[in-house]
Amino acid sequence: MYPEEIVLPMKAELTDNGFEDLDTPELVDEYINKEGTTLVMINSVCGCSAGSARPGVLMAVANSNKKTICRFETYPTDV
């Protein structure tokens, strides 16, 4: 399990930019099965996520012409 002081700022980076945390398997199933397109970001504290994935998905959403409802999943070992 990662320390809370590492995980929470990375969650906040997404939620502060309009993402909703899907923190249970039931929420993931609910949103994946809705009609339409859902953008799901798999969040992690690894270097790939911190260096590329979060910045990239935030840039993509910020530059989209479409109304975007964003969700992210946190690894079960995260806080």
PDB file of N, CA and C in Angstrom:
ATOM      1  N   MET A   1       0.846  -1.177   0.000  1.00  0.00           N
ATOM      2  CA  MET A   1       0.000   0.000   0.000  1.00  0.00           C
ATOM      3  C   MET A   1       0.891   1.241   0.000  1.00  0.00           C
ATOM      4  N   TYR A   2       0.514   2.195  -0.811  1.00  0.00           N
ATOM      5  CA  TYR A   2       1.287   3.429  -0.900  1.00  0.00           C
ATOM      6  C   TYR A   2       0.877   4.393   0.205  1.00  0.00           C
ATOM      7  N   PRO A   3       1.817   5.208   0.683  1.00  0.00           N
ATOM      8  CA  PRO A   3       1.494   6.188   1.727  1.00  0.00           C
ATOM      9  C   PRO A   3       0.464   7.199   1.221  1.00  0.00           C
ATOM     10  N   GLU A   4      -0.460   7.552   2.091  1.00  0.00           N
ATOM     11  CA  GLU A   4      -1.533   8.482   1.751  1.00  0.00           C
ATOM     12  C   GLU A   4      -1.004   9.803   1.205  1.00  0.00           C
ATOM     13  N   GLU A   5       0.106  10.292   1.737  1.00  0.00           N
ATOM     14  CA  GLU A   5       0.642  11.576   1.292  1.00  0.00           C
ATOM     15  C   GLU A   5       1.139  11.534  -0.156  1.00  0.00           C
ATOM     16  N   ILE A   6       1.369  10.343  -0.683  1.00  0.00           N
ATOM     17  CA  ILE A   6       1.758  10.199  -2.087  1.00  0.00           C
ATOM     18  C   ILE A   6       0.519  10.058  -2.975  1.00  0.00           C
ATOM     19  N   VAL A   7      -0.440   9.280  -2.535  1.00  0.00           N
ATOM     20  CA  VAL A   7      -1.598   8.943  -3.349  1.00  0.00           C
ATOM     21  C   VAL A   7      -2.598  10.093  -3.472  1.00  0.00           C
ATOM     22  N   LEU A   8      -2.900  10.770  -2.378  1.00  0.00           N
ATOM     23  CA  LEU A   8      -3.951  11.788  -2.392  1.00  0.00           C
ATOM     24  C   LEU A   8      -3.705  12.938  -3.366  1.00  0.00           C
ATOM     25  N   PRO A   9      -2.488  13.473  -3.483  1.00  0.00           N
ATOM     26  CA  PRO A   9      -2.292  14.533  -4.479  1.00  0.00           C
ATOM     27  C   PRO A   9      -2.509  14.054  -5.917  1.00  0.00           C
ATOM     28  N   MET A  10      -2.212  12.790  -6.187  1.00  0.00           N
ATOM     29  CA  MET A  10      -2.401  12.258  -7.532  1.00  0.00           C
ATOM     30  C   MET A  10      -3.878  12.043  -7.837  1.00  0.00           C
ATOM     31  N   LYS A  11      -4.644  11.666  -6.819  1.00  0.00           N
ATOM     32  CA  LYS A  11      -6.095  11.597  -6.984  1.00  0.00           C
ATOM     33  C   LYS A  11      -6.655  12.999  -7.196  1.00  0.00           C
ATOM     34  N   ALA A  12      -6.199  13.939  -6.382  1.00  0.00           N
ATOM     35  CA  ALA A  12      -6.702  15.317  -6.455  1.00  0.00           C
ATOM     36  C   ALA A  12      -6.417  15.949  -7.813  1.00  0.00           C
ATOM     37  N   GLU A  13      -5.290  15.598  -8.426  1.00  0.00           N
ATOM     38  CA  GLU A  13      -4.965  16.148  -9.741  1.00  0.00           C
ATOM     39  C   GLU A  13      -6.066  15.812 -10.748  1.00  0.00           C
ATOM     40  N   LEU A  14      -6.649  14.631 -10.624  1.00  0.00           N
ATOM     41  CA  LEU A  14      -7.725  14.227 -11.526  1.00  0.00           C
ATOM     42  C   LEU A  14      -9.072  14.792 -11.079  1.00  0.00           C
ATOM     43  N   THR A  15      -9.409  14.648  -9.804  1.00  0.00           N
ATOM     44  CA  THR A  15     -10.718  15.126  -9.354  1.00  0.00           C
ATOM     45  C   THR A  15     -10.826  16.642  -9.454  1.00  0.00           C
ATOM     46  N   ASP A  16      -9.740  17.362  -9.263  1.00  0.00           N
ATOM     47  CA  ASP A  16      -9.756  18.823  -9.408  1.00  0.00           C
ATOM     48  C   ASP A  16      -9.992  19.253 -10.861  1.00  0.00           C
ATOM     49  N   ASN A  17      -9.803  18.314 -11.780  1.00  0.00           N
ATOM     50  CA  ASN A  17      -9.992  18.609 -13.198  1.00  0.00           C
ATOM     51  C   ASN A  17     -11.201  17.886 -13.788  1.00  0.00           C
ATOM     52  N   GLY A  18     -12.149  17.547 -12.937  1.00  0.00           N
ATOM     53  CA  GLY A  18     -13.427  17.024 -13.407  1.00  0.00           C
ATOM     54  C   GLY A  18     -13.583  15.522 -13.468  1.00  0.00           C
ATOM     55  N   PHE A  19     -12.589  14.769 -13.053  1.00  0.00           N
ATOM     56  CA  PHE A  19     -12.713  13.317 -13.049  1.00  0.00           C
ATOM     57  C   PHE A  19     -13.446  12.857 -11.800  1.00  0.00           C
ATOM     58  N   GLU A  20     -14.142  11.761 -11.923  1.00  0.00           N
ATOM     59  CA  GLU A  20     -14.846  11.149 -10.806  1.00  0.00           C
ATOM     60  C   GLU A  20     -14.145   9.846 -10.463  1.00  0.00           C
ATOM     61  N   ASP A  21     -13.861   9.632  -9.188  1.00  0.00           N
ATOM     62  CA  ASP A  21     -13.171   8.425  -8.743  1.00  0.00           C
ATOM     63  C   ASP A  21     -14.136   7.252  -8.689  1.00  0.00           C
ATOM     64  N   LEU A  22     -13.846   6.229  -9.433  1.00  0.00           N
ATOM     65  CA  LEU A  22     -14.621   4.991  -9.378  1.00  0.00           C
ATOM     66  C   LEU A  22     -13.886   4.044  -8.444  1.00  0.00           C
ATOM     67  N   ASP A  23     -14.235   4.101  -7.187  1.00  0.00           N
ATOM     68  CA  ASP A  23     -13.437   3.403  -6.182  1.00  0.00           C
ATOM     69  C   ASP A  23     -13.995   2.046  -5.759  1.00  0.00           C
ATOM     70  N   THR A  24     -15.001   1.556  -6.485  1.00  0.00           N
ATOM     71  CA  THR A  24     -15.502   0.204  -6.225  1.00  0.00           C
ATOM     72  C   THR A  24     -15.712  -0.505  -7.558  1.00  0.00           C
ATOM     73  N   PRO A  25     -15.655  -1.820  -7.567  1.00  0.00           N
ATOM     74  CA  PRO A  25     -15.932  -2.558  -8.804  1.00  0.00           C
ATOM     75  C   PRO A  25     -17.342  -2.283  -9.334  1.00  0.00           C
ATOM     76  N   GLU A  26     -18.285  -2.063  -8.428  1.00  0.00           N
ATOM     77  CA  GLU A  26     -19.661  -1.793  -8.841  1.00  0.00           C
ATOM     78  C   GLU A  26     -19.762  -0.480  -9.618  1.00  0.00           C
ATOM     79  N   LEU A  27     -19.056   0.549  -9.173  1.00  0.00           N
ATOM     80  CA  LEU A  27     -19.067   1.825  -9.889  1.00  0.00           C
ATOM     81  C   LEU A  27     -18.428   1.683 -11.268  1.00  0.00           C
ATOM     82  N   VAL A  28     -17.349   0.931 -11.347  1.00  0.00           N
ATOM     83  CA  VAL A  28     -16.709   0.702 -12.650  1.00  0.00           C
ATOM     84  C   VAL A  28     -17.699   0.026 -13.589  1.00  0.00           C
ATOM     85  N   ASP A  29     -18.349  -1.039 -13.125  1.00  0.00           N
ATOM     86  CA  ASP A  29     -19.333  -1.738 -13.959  1.00  0.00           C
ATOM     87  C   ASP A  29     -20.467  -0.812 -14.380  1.00  0.00           C
ATOM     88  N   GLU A  30     -20.969  -0.014 -13.452  1.00  0.00           N
ATOM     89  CA  GLU A  30     -22.074   0.896 -13.749  1.00  0.00           C
ATOM     90  C   GLU A  30     -21.720   1.869 -14.867  1.00  0.00           C
ATOM     91  N   TYR A  31     -20.554   2.483 -14.794  1.00  0.00           N
ATOM     92  CA  TYR A  31     -20.194   3.484 -15.788  1.00  0.00           C
ATOM     93  C   TYR A  31     -19.727   2.882 -17.098  1.00  0.00           C
ATOM     94  N   ILE A  32     -19.081   1.739 -17.057  1.00  0.00           N
ATOM     95  CA  ILE A  32     -18.642   1.079 -18.288  1.00  0.00           C
ATOM     96  C   ILE A  32     -19.846   0.608 -19.099  1.00  0.00           C
ATOM     97  N   ASN A  33     -20.920   0.234 -18.419  1.00  0.00           N
ATOM     98  CA  ASN A  33     -22.091  -0.300 -19.103  1.00  0.00           C
ATOM     99  C   ASN A  33     -23.102   0.762 -19.532  1.00  0.00           C
ATOM    100  N   LYS A  34     -22.831   2.040 -19.265  1.00  0.00           N
ATOM    101  CA  LYS A  34     -23.726   3.101 -19.721  1.00  0.00           C
ATOM    102  C   LYS A  34     -23.574   3.283 -21.226  1.00  0.00           C
ATOM    103  N   GLU A  35     -24.644   3.761 -21.846  1.00  0.00           N
ATOM    104  CA  GLU A  35     -24.595   4.009 -23.284  1.00  0.00           C
ATOM    105  C   GLU A  35     -23.683   5.189 -23.576  1.00  0.00           C
ATOM    106  N   GLY A  36     -23.012   5.115 -24.689  1.00  0.00           N
ATOM    107  CA  GLY A  36     -22.114   6.191 -25.090  1.00  0.00           C
ATOM    108  C   GLY A  36     -20.669   5.830 -24.804  1.00  0.00           C
ATOM    109  N   THR A  37     -19.833   6.828 -24.856  1.00  0.00           N
ATOM    110  CA  THR A  37     -18.397   6.640 -24.671  1.00  0.00           C
ATOM    111  C   THR A  37     -17.993   7.137 -23.296  1.00  0.00           C
ATOM    112  N   THR A  38     -17.220   6.361 -22.596  1.00  0.00           N
ATOM    113  CA  THR A  38     -16.707   6.746 -21.285  1.00  0.00           C
ATOM    114  C   THR A  38     -15.191   6.700 -21.321  1.00  0.00           C
ATOM    115  N   LEU A  39     -14.581   7.765 -20.896  1.00  0.00           N
ATOM    116  CA  LEU A  39     -13.130   7.813 -20.773  1.00  0.00           C
ATOM    117  C   LEU A  39     -12.772   7.366 -19.362  1.00  0.00           C
ATOM    118  N   VAL A  40     -12.011   6.295 -19.265  1.00  0.00           N
ATOM    119  CA  VAL A  40     -11.586   5.784 -17.961  1.00  0.00           C
ATOM    120  C   VAL A  40     -10.075   5.874 -17.880  1.00  0.00           C
ATOM    121  N   MET A  41      -9.595   6.511 -16.845  1.00  0.00           N
ATOM    122  CA  MET A  41      -8.158   6.646 -16.582  1.00  0.00           C
ATOM    123  C   MET A  41      -7.807   5.701 -15.447  1.00  0.00           C
ATOM    124  N   ILE A  42      -6.867   4.808 -15.679  1.00  0.00           N
ATOM    125  CA  ILE A  42      -6.385   3.932 -14.610  1.00  0.00           C
ATOM    126  C   ILE A  42      -5.271   4.685 -13.906  1.00  0.00           C
ATOM    127  N   ASN A  43      -5.545   5.098 -12.685  1.00  0.00           N
ATOM    128  CA  ASN A  43      -4.611   5.930 -11.941  1.00  0.00           C
ATOM    129  C   ASN A  43      -3.630   5.070 -11.152  1.00  0.00           C
ATOM    130  N   SER A  44      -2.424   5.534 -11.038  1.00  0.00           N
ATOM    131  CA  SER A  44      -1.399   4.847 -10.273  1.00  0.00           C
ATOM    132  C   SER A  44      -0.370   5.870  -9.828  1.00  0.00           C
ATOM    133  N   VAL A  45       0.493   5.472  -8.930  1.00  0.00           N
ATOM    134  CA  VAL A  45       1.547   6.373  -8.492  1.00  0.00           C
ATOM    135  C   VAL A  45       2.879   6.055  -9.162  1.00  0.00           C
ATOM    136  N   CYS A  46       2.860   5.121 -10.098  1.00  0.00           N
ATOM    137  CA  CYS A  46       4.106   4.770 -10.782  1.00  0.00           C
ATOM    138  C   CYS A  46       4.571   5.914 -11.682  1.00  0.00           C
ATOM    139  N   GLY A  47       5.775   5.843 -12.127  1.00  0.00           N
ATOM    140  CA  GLY A  47       6.344   6.887 -12.967  1.00  0.00           C
ATOM    141  C   GLY A  47       5.627   7.065 -14.292  1.00  0.00           C
ATOM    142  N   CYS A  48       5.123   5.966 -14.872  1.00  0.00           N
ATOM    143  CA  CYS A  48       4.402   6.072 -16.153  1.00  0.00           C
ATOM    144  C   CYS A  48       3.156   6.923 -16.006  1.00  0.00           C
ATOM    145  N   SER A  49       2.420   6.692 -14.942  1.00  0.00           N
ATOM    146  CA  SER A  49       1.189   7.447 -14.727  1.00  0.00           C
ATOM    147  C   SER A  49       1.500   8.890 -14.376  1.00  0.00           C
ATOM    148  N   ALA A  50       2.470   9.092 -13.521  1.00  0.00           N
ATOM    149  CA  ALA A  50       2.809  10.449 -13.088  1.00  0.00           C
ATOM    150  C   ALA A  50       3.431  11.265 -14.207  1.00  0.00           C
ATOM    151  N   GLY A  51       4.256  10.634 -15.020  1.00  0.00           N
ATOM    152  CA  GLY A  51       4.988  11.369 -16.035  1.00  0.00           C
ATOM    153  C   GLY A  51       4.278  11.514 -17.360  1.00  0.00           C
ATOM    154  N   SER A  52       3.367  10.592 -17.665  1.00  0.00           N
ATOM    155  CA  SER A  52       2.738  10.613 -18.986  1.00  0.00           C
ATOM    156  C   SER A  52       1.214  10.519 -18.946  1.00  0.00           C
ATOM    157  N   ALA A  53       0.688   9.546 -18.238  1.00  0.00           N
ATOM    158  CA  ALA A  53      -0.746   9.265 -18.328  1.00  0.00           C
ATOM    159  C   ALA A  53      -1.611  10.389 -17.785  1.00  0.00           C
ATOM    160  N   ARG A  54      -1.383  10.805 -16.553  1.00  0.00           N
ATOM    161  CA  ARG A  54      -2.215  11.891 -15.997  1.00  0.00           C
ATOM    162  C   ARG A  54      -2.050  13.187 -16.779  1.00  0.00           C
ATOM    163  N   PRO A  55      -0.835  13.653 -17.041  1.00  0.00           N
ATOM    164  CA  PRO A  55      -0.708  14.877 -17.840  1.00  0.00           C
ATOM    165  C   PRO A  55      -1.338  14.737 -19.223  1.00  0.00           C
ATOM    166  N   GLY A  56      -1.186  13.586 -19.847  1.00  0.00           N
ATOM    167  CA  GLY A  56      -1.735  13.378 -21.185  1.00  0.00           C
ATOM    168  C   GLY A  56      -3.251  13.380 -21.207  1.00  0.00           C
ATOM    169  N   VAL A  57      -3.866  12.697 -20.259  1.00  0.00           N
ATOM    170  CA  VAL A  57      -5.333  12.645 -20.243  1.00  0.00           C
ATOM    171  C   VAL A  57      -5.912  14.003 -19.867  1.00  0.00           C
ATOM    172  N   LEU A  58      -5.257  14.729 -18.994  1.00  0.00           N
ATOM    173  CA  LEU A  58      -5.736  16.074 -18.646  1.00  0.00           C
ATOM    174  C   LEU A  58      -5.634  17.013 -19.846  1.00  0.00           C
ATOM    175  N   MET A  59      -4.561  16.905 -20.607  1.00  0.00           N
ATOM    176  CA  MET A  59      -4.394  17.735 -21.802  1.00  0.00           C
ATOM    177  C   MET A  59      -5.448  17.377 -22.857  1.00  0.00           C
ATOM    178  N   ALA A  60      -5.695  16.085 -23.029  1.00  0.00           N
ATOM    179  CA  ALA A  60      -6.682  15.642 -24.013  1.00  0.00           C
ATOM    180  C   ALA A  60      -8.073  16.157 -23.668  1.00  0.00           C
ATOM    181  N   VAL A  61      -8.443  16.064 -22.409  1.00  0.00           N
ATOM    182  CA  VAL A  61      -9.759  16.524 -21.978  1.00  0.00           C
ATOM    183  C   VAL A  61      -9.857  18.042 -22.096  1.00  0.00           C
ATOM    184  N   ALA A  62      -8.829  18.741 -21.725  1.00  0.00           N
ATOM    185  CA  ALA A  62      -8.841  20.208 -21.782  1.00  0.00           C
ATOM    186  C   ALA A  62      -8.967  20.709 -23.218  1.00  0.00           C
ATOM    187  N   ASN A  63      -8.453  19.954 -24.177  1.00  0.00           N
ATOM    188  CA  ASN A  63      -8.470  20.385 -25.571  1.00  0.00           C
ATOM    189  C   ASN A  63      -9.564  19.722 -26.403  1.00  0.00           C
ATOM    190  N   SER A  64     -10.492  19.054 -25.746  1.00  0.00           N
ATOM    191  CA  SER A  64     -11.572  18.380 -26.452  1.00  0.00           C
ATOM    192  C   SER A  64     -12.711  19.356 -26.748  1.00  0.00           C
ATOM    193  N   ASN A  65     -13.297  19.212 -27.913  1.00  0.00           N
ATOM    194  CA  ASN A  65     -14.466  20.019 -28.272  1.00  0.00           C
ATOM    195  C   ASN A  65     -15.759  19.386 -27.785  1.00  0.00           C
ATOM    196  N   LYS A  66     -15.688  18.165 -27.306  1.00  0.00           N
ATOM    197  CA  LYS A  66     -16.869  17.442 -26.861  1.00  0.00           C
ATOM    198  C   LYS A  66     -17.021  17.562 -25.351  1.00  0.00           C
ATOM    199  N   LYS A  67     -18.269  17.516 -24.909  1.00  0.00           N
ATOM    200  CA  LYS A  67     -18.521  17.466 -23.475  1.00  0.00           C
ATOM    201  C   LYS A  67     -17.985  16.125 -22.988  1.00  0.00           C
ATOM    202  N   THR A  68     -17.131  16.151 -22.019  1.00  0.00           N
ATOM    203  CA  THR A  68     -16.482  14.933 -21.565  1.00  0.00           C
ATOM    204  C   THR A  68     -16.820  14.666 -20.110  1.00  0.00           C
ATOM    205  N   ILE A  69     -17.289  13.467 -19.847  1.00  0.00           N
ATOM    206  CA  ILE A  69     -17.480  13.015 -18.477  1.00  0.00           C
ATOM    207  C   ILE A  69     -16.380  12.001 -18.231  1.00  0.00           C
ATOM    208  N   CYS A  70     -15.537  12.298 -17.274  1.00  0.00           N
ATOM    209  CA  CYS A  70     -14.340  11.498 -17.060  1.00  0.00           C
ATOM    210  C   CYS A  70     -14.421  10.737 -15.759  1.00  0.00           C
ATOM    211  N   ARG A  71     -13.886   9.566 -15.772  1.00  0.00           N
ATOM    212  CA  ARG A  71     -13.848   8.716 -14.583  1.00  0.00           C
ATOM    213  C   ARG A  71     -12.433   8.185 -14.427  1.00  0.00           C
ATOM    214  N   PHE A  72     -12.082   7.847 -13.203  1.00  0.00           N
ATOM    215  CA  PHE A  72     -10.813   7.152 -13.042  1.00  0.00           C
ATOM    216  C   PHE A  72     -10.931   6.087 -11.989  1.00  0.00           C
ATOM    217  N   GLU A  73     -10.143   5.071 -12.158  1.00  0.00           N
ATOM    218  CA  GLU A  73     -10.087   3.941 -11.246  1.00  0.00           C
ATOM    219  C   GLU A  73      -8.754   3.981 -10.540  1.00  0.00           C
ATOM    220  N   THR A  74      -8.793   3.772  -9.241  1.00  0.00           N
ATOM    221  CA  THR A  74      -7.589   3.716  -8.445  1.00  0.00           C
ATOM    222  C   THR A  74      -7.276   2.266  -8.125  1.00  0.00           C
ATOM    223  N   TYR A  75      -6.020   1.916  -8.209  1.00  0.00           N
ATOM    224  CA  TYR A  75      -5.652   0.556  -7.847  1.00  0.00           C
ATOM    225  C   TYR A  75      -6.135   0.243  -6.440  1.00  0.00           C
ATOM    226  N   PRO A  76      -6.591  -0.992  -6.183  1.00  0.00           N
ATOM    227  CA  PRO A  76      -7.130  -1.344  -4.872  1.00  0.00           C
ATOM    228  C   PRO A  76      -6.155  -1.138  -3.721  1.00  0.00           C
ATOM    229  N   THR A  77      -4.872  -1.119  -4.000  1.00  0.00           N
ATOM    230  CA  THR A  77      -3.897  -0.925  -2.924  1.00  0.00           C
ATOM    231  C   THR A  77      -3.704   0.542  -2.598  1.00  0.00           C
ATOM    232  N   ASP A  78      -4.256   1.439  -3.424  1.00  0.00           N
ATOM    233  CA  ASP A  78      -4.155   2.862  -3.154  1.00  0.00           C
ATOM    234  C   ASP A  78      -5.176   3.270  -2.109  1.00  0.00           C
ATOM    235  N   VAL A  79      -4.977   4.430  -1.552  1.00  0.00           N
ATOM    236  CA  VAL A  79      -5.895   4.943  -0.527  1.00  0.00           C
ATOM    237  C   VAL A  79      -7.145   5.457  -1.193  1.00  0.00           C
TER     238      VAL A  79
END
